């Protein structure tokens, strides 16, 4: 599967989170972790961390927990 700005589709991504804001925060936090050296949990033909993070979201390899202080 090709991963780019269109794939995975936004419709599919939004079924994994409660809002676009949550998706943006989750992807940004995970992309930062990948930049800092965290291991990629899915195999994608891209070297872009945001694309890798979105692939992890759509494949249920990462999730989030909503707290009073924000998203963890």
Protein backbone atom coordinates (compact mmCIF):
# COMPACT_ATOMS: atom_id res chain seq x y z
CA UNK A 1 0.00 0.00 0.00
CA UNK A 2 1.31 3.44 -0.91
CA UNK A 3 1.39 5.89 1.98
CA UNK A 4 1.20 9.60 1.23
CA UNK A 5 -0.97 12.57 2.13
CA UNK A 6 -4.03 10.84 0.62
CA UNK A 7 -3.31 7.32 1.84
CA UNK A 8 -4.44 6.32 4.34
CA UNK A 9 -7.63 8.22 3.59
CA UNK A 10 -8.80 10.81 6.11
CA UNK A 11 -12.11 8.92 6.52
CA UNK A 12 -10.23 5.84 7.65
CA UNK A 13 -7.96 7.80 9.98
CA UNK A 14 -10.90 9.56 11.64
CA UNK A 15 -12.46 6.22 12.60
CA UNK A 16 -9.43 5.69 14.89
CA UNK A 17 -9.72 8.96 16.85
CA UNK A 18 -12.43 11.22 18.23
CA UNK A 19 -11.53 14.35 16.23
CA UNK A 20 -9.20 15.87 13.64
CA UNK A 21 -7.48 17.75 16.45
CA UNK A 22 -6.72 14.49 18.27
CA UNK A 23 -5.36 13.00 15.05
CA UNK A 24 -3.09 16.01 14.48
CA UNK A 25 -1.75 15.95 18.04
CA UNK A 26 -1.29 12.17 18.03
CA UNK A 27 0.54 12.18 14.69
CA UNK A 28 2.73 15.12 15.71
CA UNK A 29 3.72 13.54 19.02
CA UNK A 30 4.49 10.20 17.39
CA UNK A 31 6.44 11.86 14.56
CA UNK A 32 8.55 13.64 17.20
CA UNK A 33 9.20 10.30 18.94
CA UNK A 34 10.29 8.78 15.64
CA UNK A 35 12.57 11.76 14.98
CA UNK A 36 14.11 11.22 18.42
CA UNK A 37 14.91 7.59 17.55
CA UNK A 38 11.83 5.53 18.46
CA UNK A 39 11.39 2.34 16.45
CA UNK A 40 8.82 2.36 13.63
CA UNK A 41 5.98 -0.11 14.34
CA UNK A 42 4.82 -0.57 10.73
CA UNK A 43 6.57 -1.07 7.43
CA UNK A 44 5.82 1.73 4.99
CA UNK A 45 7.68 2.79 1.85
CA UNK A 46 8.27 6.29 3.20
CA UNK A 47 10.98 7.93 5.24
CA UNK A 48 8.69 10.73 6.42
CA UNK A 49 7.88 10.54 10.11
CA UNK A 50 4.39 12.02 9.84
CA UNK A 51 3.49 9.44 7.18
CA UNK A 52 4.88 6.67 9.37
CA UNK A 53 2.93 8.00 12.35
CA UNK A 54 -0.34 8.08 10.38
CA UNK A 55 0.29 4.53 9.18
CA UNK A 56 0.73 3.45 12.79
CA UNK A 57 -2.57 5.12 13.72
CA UNK A 58 -4.54 3.46 10.92
CA UNK A 59 -3.04 0.04 11.73
CA UNK A 60 -3.86 0.42 15.45
CA UNK A 61 -0.19 0.26 16.46
CA UNK A 62 -0.51 3.42 18.55
CA UNK A 63 -3.39 4.95 20.43
CA UNK A 64 -4.09 7.75 22.83
CA UNK A 65 -5.53 8.40 26.25
CA UNK A 66 -7.51 11.55 26.96
CA UNK A 67 -6.72 13.09 30.34
CA UNK A 68 -7.65 16.31 32.10
CA UNK A 69 -4.33 17.78 31.04
CA UNK A 70 -4.52 16.77 27.38
CA UNK A 71 -3.74 13.78 25.19
CA UNK A 72 -1.18 11.17 26.21
